[in-house]
Amino acid sequence: MKRSRGAGPGFADTPAPVASSRLTHAVAASLAIALSVCLMVTITMLSINTLTLPA
């Protein structure tokens, strides 16, 4: 009996896809929304700080 090369028992030689295209797009969209919200909060806080500084 010969041992086959490659992965162990129960694993295929070809790699399975990591995630579906729909899941990848959903994660990318949520990251884009989170980044834009973070950017808006940062700009708002910076503008509030410049308005409240004494001249």
N, C-alpha and C. Protein backbone atom coordinates (compact mmCIF):
# COMPACT_ATOMS: atom_id res chain seq x y z
N MET A 1 0.85 -1.17 0.00
CA MET A 1 0.00 0.00 0.00
C MET A 1 0.89 1.24 0.00
N LYS A 2 0.69 2.12 -0.97
CA LYS A 2 1.50 3.33 -1.07
C LYS A 2 0.76 4.51 -0.49
N ARG A 3 1.53 5.35 0.09
CA ARG A 3 0.96 6.57 0.65
C ARG A 3 0.92 7.64 -0.43
N SER A 4 -0.22 8.30 -0.54
CA SER A 4 -0.34 9.33 -1.57
C SER A 4 0.33 10.61 -1.12
N ARG A 5 0.85 11.35 -2.09
CA ARG A 5 1.48 12.62 -1.78
C ARG A 5 0.40 13.68 -1.59
N GLY A 6 0.71 14.72 -0.86
CA GLY A 6 -0.24 15.81 -0.68
C GLY A 6 -0.79 15.85 0.73
N ALA A 7 -2.00 16.30 0.82
CA ALA A 7 -2.62 16.49 2.12
C ALA A 7 -3.00 15.16 2.76
N GLY A 8 -3.30 15.24 4.02
CA GLY A 8 -3.67 14.05 4.77
C GLY A 8 -5.06 13.56 4.40
N PRO A 9 -5.52 12.51 5.06
CA PRO A 9 -6.83 11.95 4.74
C PRO A 9 -7.95 12.94 5.07
N GLY A 10 -8.93 13.00 4.21
CA GLY A 10 -10.05 13.89 4.45
C GLY A 10 -9.91 15.26 3.83
N PHE A 11 -8.77 15.55 3.25
CA PHE A 11 -8.56 16.85 2.65
C PHE A 11 -8.31 16.67 1.16
N ALA A 12 -8.90 17.52 0.37
CA ALA A 12 -8.71 17.44 -1.08
C ALA A 12 -7.38 18.10 -1.45
N ASP A 13 -6.84 17.72 -2.59
CA ASP A 13 -5.60 18.31 -3.04
C ASP A 13 -5.78 19.74 -3.52
N THR A 14 -6.94 20.03 -4.08
CA THR A 14 -7.18 21.39 -4.56
C THR A 14 -7.76 22.22 -3.42
N PRO A 15 -7.31 23.47 -3.27
CA PRO A 15 -7.81 24.30 -2.19
C PRO A 15 -9.25 24.73 -2.44
N ALA A 16 -10.02 24.77 -1.39
CA ALA A 16 -11.40 25.21 -1.49
C ALA A 16 -11.44 26.73 -1.51
N PRO A 17 -12.45 27.32 -2.14
CA PRO A 17 -12.54 28.78 -2.13
C PRO A 17 -12.74 29.30 -0.70
N VAL A 18 -12.10 30.40 -0.40
CA VAL A 18 -12.12 30.91 0.97
C VAL A 18 -13.50 31.44 1.32
N ALA A 19 -14.05 32.27 0.46
CA ALA A 19 -15.36 32.83 0.72
C ALA A 19 -16.07 33.05 -0.60
N SER A 20 -17.38 33.13 -0.53
CA SER A 20 -18.12 33.38 -1.75
C SER A 20 -17.97 34.82 -2.18
N SER A 21 -18.29 35.09 -3.41
CA SER A 21 -18.17 36.45 -3.94
C SER A 21 -19.12 37.40 -3.22
N ARG A 22 -20.30 36.90 -2.88
CA ARG A 22 -21.28 37.75 -2.19
C ARG A 22 -20.78 38.14 -0.80
N LEU A 23 -20.16 37.19 -0.10
CA LEU A 23 -19.63 37.48 1.23
C LEU A 23 -18.47 38.47 1.14
N THR A 24 -17.61 38.29 0.15
CA THR A 24 -16.49 39.21 -0.03
C THR A 24 -16.97 40.63 -0.31
N HIS A 25 -17.98 40.76 -1.16
CA HIS A 25 -18.52 42.09 -1.45
C HIS A 25 -19.21 42.70 -0.23
N ALA A 26 -19.87 41.87 0.57
CA ALA A 26 -20.53 42.38 1.77
C ALA A 26 -19.51 42.89 2.78
N VAL A 27 -18.41 42.16 2.93
CA VAL A 27 -17.36 42.59 3.85
C VAL A 27 -16.70 43.86 3.35
N ALA A 28 -16.46 43.95 2.04
CA ALA A 28 -15.86 45.16 1.48
C ALA A 28 -16.77 46.36 1.65
N ALA A 29 -18.07 46.17 1.46
CA ALA A 29 -19.02 47.27 1.61
C ALA A 29 -19.10 47.73 3.06
N SER A 30 -19.10 46.79 3.99
CA SER A 30 -19.19 47.18 5.39
C SER A 30 -17.91 47.89 5.85
N LEU A 31 -16.76 47.46 5.34
CA LEU A 31 -15.52 48.16 5.67
C LEU A 31 -15.50 49.56 5.09
N ALA A 32 -16.03 49.72 3.88
CA ALA A 32 -16.08 51.05 3.27
C ALA A 32 -17.01 51.96 4.06
N ILE A 33 -18.14 51.45 4.52
CA ILE A 33 -19.06 52.25 5.32
C ILE A 33 -18.42 52.63 6.64
N ALA A 34 -17.75 51.69 7.28
CA ALA A 34 -17.11 51.97 8.56
C ALA A 34 -16.00 53.01 8.40
N LEU A 35 -15.25 52.91 7.33
CA LEU A 35 -14.18 53.87 7.09
C LEU A 35 -14.74 55.26 6.82
N SER A 36 -15.82 55.36 6.07
CA SER A 36 -16.40 56.67 5.79
C SER A 36 -17.01 57.28 7.05
N VAL A 37 -17.62 56.47 7.90
CA VAL A 37 -18.17 56.99 9.16
C VAL A 37 -17.04 57.49 10.06
N CYS A 38 -15.95 56.73 10.12
CA CYS A 38 -14.81 57.14 10.93
C CYS A 38 -14.21 58.44 10.41
N LEU A 39 -14.14 58.57 9.11
CA LEU A 39 -13.61 59.80 8.51
C LEU A 39 -14.52 60.98 8.78
N MET A 40 -15.82 60.78 8.71
CA MET A 40 -16.76 61.87 8.99
C MET A 40 -16.68 62.30 10.45
N VAL A 41 -16.56 61.35 11.36
CA VAL A 41 -16.44 61.69 12.78
C VAL A 41 -15.15 62.45 13.03
N THR A 42 -14.06 62.03 12.42
CA THR A 42 -12.78 62.71 12.60
C THR A 42 -12.84 64.14 12.08
N ILE A 43 -13.41 64.34 10.90
CA ILE A 43 -13.51 65.68 10.34
C ILE A 43 -14.42 66.55 11.20
N THR A 44 -15.51 65.99 11.70
CA THR A 44 -16.42 66.74 12.56
C THR A 44 -15.74 67.15 13.85
N MET A 45 -14.99 66.24 14.45
CA MET A 45 -14.31 66.59 15.71
C MET A 45 -13.24 67.64 15.48
N LEU A 46 -12.52 67.54 14.36
CA LEU A 46 -11.50 68.54 14.08
C LEU A 46 -12.12 69.91 13.82
N SER A 47 -13.24 69.94 13.13
CA SER A 47 -13.88 71.23 12.87
C SER A 47 -14.48 71.82 14.14
N ILE A 48 -15.00 70.98 15.03
CA ILE A 48 -15.52 71.50 16.30
C ILE A 48 -14.38 72.05 17.14
N ASN A 49 -13.24 71.37 17.15
CA ASN A 49 -12.10 71.85 17.94
C ASN A 49 -11.57 73.17 17.39
N THR A 50 -11.56 73.34 16.08
CA THR A 50 -11.05 74.61 15.54
C THR A 50 -12.05 75.74 15.77
N LEU A 51 -13.34 75.42 15.86
CA LEU A 51 -14.33 76.47 16.11
C LEU A 51 -14.33 76.90 17.57
N THR A 52 -14.01 76.01 18.48
CA THR A 52 -14.08 76.35 19.90
C THR A 52 -12.76 76.90 20.45
N LEU A 53 -11.70 76.89 19.65
CA LEU A 53 -10.44 77.44 20.14
C LEU A 53 -10.52 78.97 20.23
N PRO A 54 -9.98 79.53 21.29
CA PRO A 54 -10.02 80.99 21.39
C PRO A 54 -9.08 81.62 20.36
N ALA A 55 -9.52 82.72 19.80
CA ALA A 55 -8.74 83.36 18.76
C ALA A 55 -7.71 84.31 19.34
